[in-house]
Protein backbone atom coordinates (compact mmCIF):
# COMPACT_ATOMS: atom_id res chain seq x y z
CA UNK A 1 0.10 -0.06 0.37
CA UNK A 2 3.01 2.35 0.46
CA UNK A 3 4.20 2.13 -3.09
CA UNK A 4 0.44 3.66 -3.80
CA UNK A 5 0.08 7.38 -4.26
CA UNK A 6 -0.63 9.27 -2.04
CA UNK A 7 -1.77 10.93 1.16
CA UNK A 8 -2.87 11.11 3.60
CA UNK A 9 -2.80 7.46 4.45
CA UNK A 10 -4.22 4.85 6.95
CA UNK A 11 -2.13 4.70 9.79
CA UNK A 12 -2.27 0.93 9.86
CA UNK A 13 -1.85 -0.30 6.64
CA UNK A 14 -0.71 3.30 4.71
CA UNK A 15 -3.45 2.71 2.21
CA UNK A 16 -3.73 6.23 0.52
CA UNK A 17 -6.75 8.33 0.62
CA UNK A 18 -5.47 10.99 -1.62
CA UNK A 19 -5.55 10.75 -5.67
CA UNK A 20 -5.08 8.52 -7.59
CA UNK A 21 -4.13 5.34 -4.84
CA UNK A 22 -7.80 6.00 -3.54
CA UNK A 23 -9.14 5.05 -6.88
CA UNK A 24 -7.07 2.05 -6.59
CA UNK A 25 -8.20 0.87 -3.18
CA UNK A 26 -11.50 1.58 -4.03
CA UNK A 27 -12.09 -1.34 -6.42
CA UNK A 28 -10.87 -3.54 -3.44
CA UNK A 29 -13.84 -1.96 -1.35
CA UNK A 30 -11.66 -0.29 0.42
CA UNK A 31 -12.23 3.27 1.69
CA UNK A 32 -11.39 5.67 4.35
CA UNK A 33 -13.47 5.33 7.38
CA UNK A 34 -16.20 8.06 7.80
CA UNK A 35 -15.17 7.92 11.97
CA UNK A 36 -12.05 6.65 12.39
CA UNK A 37 -10.88 9.19 9.37
CA UNK A 38 -6.69 7.60 10.20
CA UNK A 39 -7.85 4.04 9.74
CA UNK A 40 -9.16 2.81 6.25
CA UNK A 41 -12.43 0.21 6.32
CA UNK A 42 -10.47 -2.80 5.76
CA UNK A 43 -8.32 -1.80 8.55
CA UNK A 44 -11.49 -1.33 11.27
CA UNK A 45 -12.73 -4.74 9.61
CA UNK A 46 -9.87 -6.54 10.59
CA UNK A 47 -9.80 -4.82 14.36
CA UNK A 48 -13.31 -6.18 14.70
CA UNK A 49 -12.78 -9.56 13.23
CA UNK A 50 -9.52 -10.15 15.89
CA UNK A 51 -10.59 -8.34 19.18
CA UNK A 52 -8.36 -7.33 21.42
CA UNK A 53 -5.98 -3.87 22.26
CA UNK A 54 -3.52 -2.78 25.23
CA UNK A 55 -3.00 -0.47 27.78
CA UNK A 56 -1.48 2.63 26.52
CA UNK A 57 -0.65 6.16 27.31
CA UNK A 58 -3.32 8.54 26.08
CA UNK A 59 -4.87 11.69 25.66
CA UNK A 60 -8.87 11.71 25.48
CA UNK A 61 -10.87 14.79 24.53
CA UNK A 62 -14.45 14.65 25.34
CA UNK A 63 -16.32 18.25 23.34
CA UNK A 64 -19.83 18.26 24.53
CA UNK A 65 -22.68 20.81 23.51
CA UNK A 66 -23.43 23.06 25.91
CA UNK A 67 -27.24 23.70 26.52
CA UNK A 68 -28.75 21.74 23.58
CA UNK A 69 -31.66 21.20 25.18
CA UNK A 70 -32.77 24.67 24.88
CA UNK A 71 -30.93 24.16 21.29
CA UNK A 72 -33.28 22.27 20.43
CA UNK A 73 -36.19 23.80 21.99
CA UNK A 74 -35.68 26.84 19.93
CA UNK A 75 -34.70 25.11 16.74
CA UNK A 76 -37.09 22.92 14.47
CA UNK A 77 -35.94 19.60 14.41
CA UNK A 78 -34.34 19.40 10.80
CA UNK A 79 -32.38 22.42 11.70
CA UNK A 80 -31.28 21.03 14.76
CA UNK A 81 -30.31 17.76 13.03
CA UNK A 82 -28.37 20.02 10.54
CA UNK A 83 -26.52 22.15 13.25
CA UNK A 84 -25.73 19.00 14.99
CA UNK A 85 -24.16 17.31 11.81
CA UNK A 86 -22.15 20.86 11.33
CA UNK A 87 -20.65 20.19 14.52
CA UNK A 88 -20.28 16.66 14.08
CA UNK A 89 -18.17 17.61 10.52
CA UNK A 90 -16.17 20.21 11.92
CA UNK A 91 -15.19 18.00 14.93
CA UNK A 92 -14.01 15.35 12.50
CA UNK A 93 -12.10 17.77 10.54
CA UNK A 94 -10.11 18.95 13.69
CA UNK A 95 -9.49 15.94 15.57
CA UNK A 96 -8.05 14.41 11.95
CA UNK A 97 -6.14 17.78 11.39
CA UNK A 98 -3.85 16.94 14.71
CA UNK A 99 -3.77 13.23 13.65
CA UNK A 100 -6.36 12.38 16.73
CA UNK A 101 -9.17 9.38 15.94
CA UNK A 102 -12.60 10.30 16.23
CA UNK A 103 -14.03 7.27 18.98
CA UNK A 104 -17.55 8.02 18.19
CA UNK A 105 -20.27 10.69 18.13
CA UNK A 106 -22.99 10.09 20.98
CA UNK A 107 -26.07 12.48 20.73
CA UNK A 108 -24.18 16.20 21.08
CA UNK A 109 -21.03 15.35 22.13
CA UNK A 110 -17.60 14.38 20.31
CA UNK A 111 -14.97 11.79 21.43
CA UNK A 112 -11.25 11.73 20.55
CA UNK A 113 -8.53 9.80 21.31
CA UNK A 114 -5.19 10.86 20.68
CA UNK A 115 -2.88 8.01 20.69
CA UNK A 116 1.39 8.04 20.62
CA UNK A 117 0.89 5.77 17.47
CA UNK A 118 -1.00 8.02 15.91
CA UNK A 119 -0.35 11.45 17.32
CA UNK A 120 3.69 10.66 18.26
CA UNK A 121 4.62 11.42 21.84
CA UNK A 122 3.22 14.89 22.08
CA UNK A 123 -0.28 13.57 21.72
CA UNK A 124 -1.53 15.75 24.78
CA UNK A 125 -0.18 18.97 23.38
CA UNK A 126 -2.07 17.88 19.94
CA UNK A 127 -4.87 17.26 22.20
CA UNK A 128 -5.01 20.73 23.78
CA UNK A 129 -4.19 21.99 20.14
CA UNK A 130 -7.10 20.70 18.79
CA UNK A 131 -9.55 21.81 21.11
CA UNK A 132 -8.52 25.37 20.83
CA UNK A 133 -8.97 24.67 17.29
CA UNK A 134 -12.35 23.26 17.82
CA UNK A 135 -13.41 26.31 19.64
CA UNK A 136 -12.25 28.84 16.90
CA UNK A 137 -13.98 27.04 14.07
CA UNK A 138 -17.20 26.99 16.40
CA UNK A 139 -16.60 30.71 16.74
CA UNK A 140 -16.05 31.24 20.48
CA UNK A 141 -13.22 33.44 19.80
CA UNK A 142 -15.44 36.13 17.89
CA UNK A 143 -17.40 36.22 21.26
CA UNK A 144 -20.41 34.97 19.16
CA UNK A 145 -20.42 30.73 18.49
CA UNK A 146 -22.60 28.89 15.90
CA UNK A 147 -22.87 26.23 18.57
CA UNK A 148 -21.55 26.17 22.07
CA UNK A 149 -18.82 23.74 23.24
CA UNK A 150 -17.50 23.15 26.21
CA UNK A 151 -14.23 20.51 26.64
CA UNK A 152 -12.67 18.05 29.17
CA UNK A 153 -8.97 16.50 28.37
CA UNK A 154 -7.86 14.27 30.38
CA UNK A 155 -4.21 11.75 29.72
CA UNK A 156 -3.20 8.29 31.28
CA UNK A 157 -2.98 5.16 30.55
CA UNK A 158 -6.64 3.51 28.89
CA UNK A 159 -7.22 0.40 27.04
CA UNK A 160 -6.70 0.84 23.83
CA UNK A 161 -8.13 -1.67 21.36
CA UNK A 162 -11.44 -3.40 19.76
CA UNK A 163 -14.40 -3.71 22.54
CA UNK A 164 -17.01 -6.12 22.84
CA UNK A 165 -18.72 -9.55 21.33
CA UNK A 166 -19.94 -10.24 18.53
CA UNK A 167 -22.19 -7.99 16.43
CA UNK A 168 -21.19 -5.54 19.20
CA UNK A 169 -18.00 -4.44 19.07
CA UNK A 170 -16.26 -1.13 18.92
CA UNK A 171 -12.70 -0.15 18.27
CA UNK A 172 -12.31 2.63 21.25
CA UNK A 173 -10.78 3.22 24.56
CA UNK A 174 -12.52 2.52 28.28
CA UNK A 175 -10.79 3.06 31.58
CA UNK A 176 -10.62 5.87 34.39
CA UNK A 177 -8.94 7.97 31.93
CA UNK A 178 -11.33 8.32 29.71
CA UNK A 179 -14.31 8.22 32.63
CA UNK A 180 -12.00 11.46 34.22
CA UNK A 181 -12.36 13.16 30.81
CA UNK A 182 -16.08 12.36 30.44
CA UNK A 183 -16.73 13.94 34.31
CA UNK A 184 -13.90 17.44 33.55
CA UNK A 185 -16.24 18.08 30.55
CA UNK A 186 -19.76 17.79 32.72
CA UNK A 187 -17.63 20.65 34.48
CA UNK A 188 -16.80 22.60 31.51
CA UNK A 189 -18.77 25.81 30.71
CA UNK A 190 -19.47 27.04 27.30
CA UNK A 191 -15.50 28.13 25.79
CA UNK A 192 -13.73 26.57 28.06
CA UNK A 193 -11.11 23.91 27.84
CA UNK A 194 -10.96 21.89 31.54
CA UNK A 195 -7.66 20.28 31.05
CA UNK A 196 -6.40 18.31 33.68
CA UNK A 197 -3.12 18.17 35.69
CA UNK A 198 -1.41 15.16 33.95
CA UNK A 199 -2.64 16.28 30.24
CA UNK A 200 -0.92 20.05 31.20
CA UNK A 201 1.71 18.21 32.49
CA UNK A 202 2.25 16.07 29.56
CA UNK A 203 1.74 19.07 27.13
CA UNK A 204 4.38 21.26 28.66
CA UNK A 205 1.29 23.68 28.87
CA UNK A 206 2.23 27.52 30.16
CA UNK A 207 -0.35 27.60 32.94
CA UNK A 208 0.96 31.03 34.17
CA UNK A 209 -2.32 32.86 32.74
CA UNK A 210 -4.78 30.03 33.69
CA UNK A 211 -7.08 29.39 36.58
CA UNK A 212 -6.64 26.23 38.44
CA UNK A 213 -9.52 24.49 39.86
CA UNK A 214 -9.94 21.22 41.87
CA UNK A 215 -13.22 19.02 41.10
CA UNK A 216 -14.76 16.49 43.21
CA UNK A 217 -15.67 14.57 40.07
CA UNK A 218 -18.94 11.96 39.99
CA UNK A 219 -17.93 8.65 40.89
CA UNK A 220 -14.19 9.01 41.85
CA UNK A 221 -12.99 9.11 45.46
CA UNK A 222 -10.15 11.07 44.91
CA UNK A 223 -10.29 15.19 43.30
CA UNK A 224 -8.44 15.90 39.85
CA UNK A 225 -6.80 19.24 39.70
CA UNK A 226 -7.25 20.95 36.36
CA UNK A 227 -6.65 24.05 34.45
CA UNK A 228 -9.01 26.49 32.32
CA UNK A 229 -8.88 27.73 29.68
CA UNK A 230 -11.87 30.09 28.98
CA UNK A 231 -13.10 31.89 26.02
CA UNK A 232 -16.95 33.31 27.25
CA UNK A 233 -19.16 33.34 24.56
CA UNK A 234 -21.62 36.38 23.96
CA UNK A 235 -24.70 34.56 22.37
CA UNK A 236 -25.56 31.85 20.35
CA UNK A 237 -26.32 32.22 16.77
CA UNK A 238 -28.82 29.82 15.30
């Protein structure tokens, strides 16, 4: 696959997603996965056929639409669906740009994994950069986001691989690291990125101008220290 032009490529088998190589792989029934854009559909099928994985250091990003119930109440169902579709597409492009993998889209939430094998040793830095870019592309830096987003980021050991049985299989990450990132995201207001101490230290984040908070997260015995990067929206443009 590596001999076929051109990039970007599948991180596992090097199948080309760019022209002219993608025309060739499509004749074999292979294409870029619409969800895990760093992988091809053939590799995902293989991962599902042979379940398994490993415990590796991973940076996890949860990005959630704030106030989605109120947004859905104000908009027609089709209009709200288009808004979420735009958010999904924006999040997927940003995550892909920084070598992350879209784990899943759930309701009004995007979950991304920044794995060393894909994002490199600076995966925590890339995760934070992607979060900033997502706030930029959703309009938070302009003061009037077209959709309000809060983000939580945590880094630590997680089981990454194919999880499940039978037809219920999914390539994902599980463990306390994932749960902590999800709980941090739940505490983030619109325009906020909550970066755990672990992720901030790994990314060598300059925290001199950031607010530090201690969170008692639901379901966890130990509190979590996190840094807050905030871009406050003024209003939401539907």
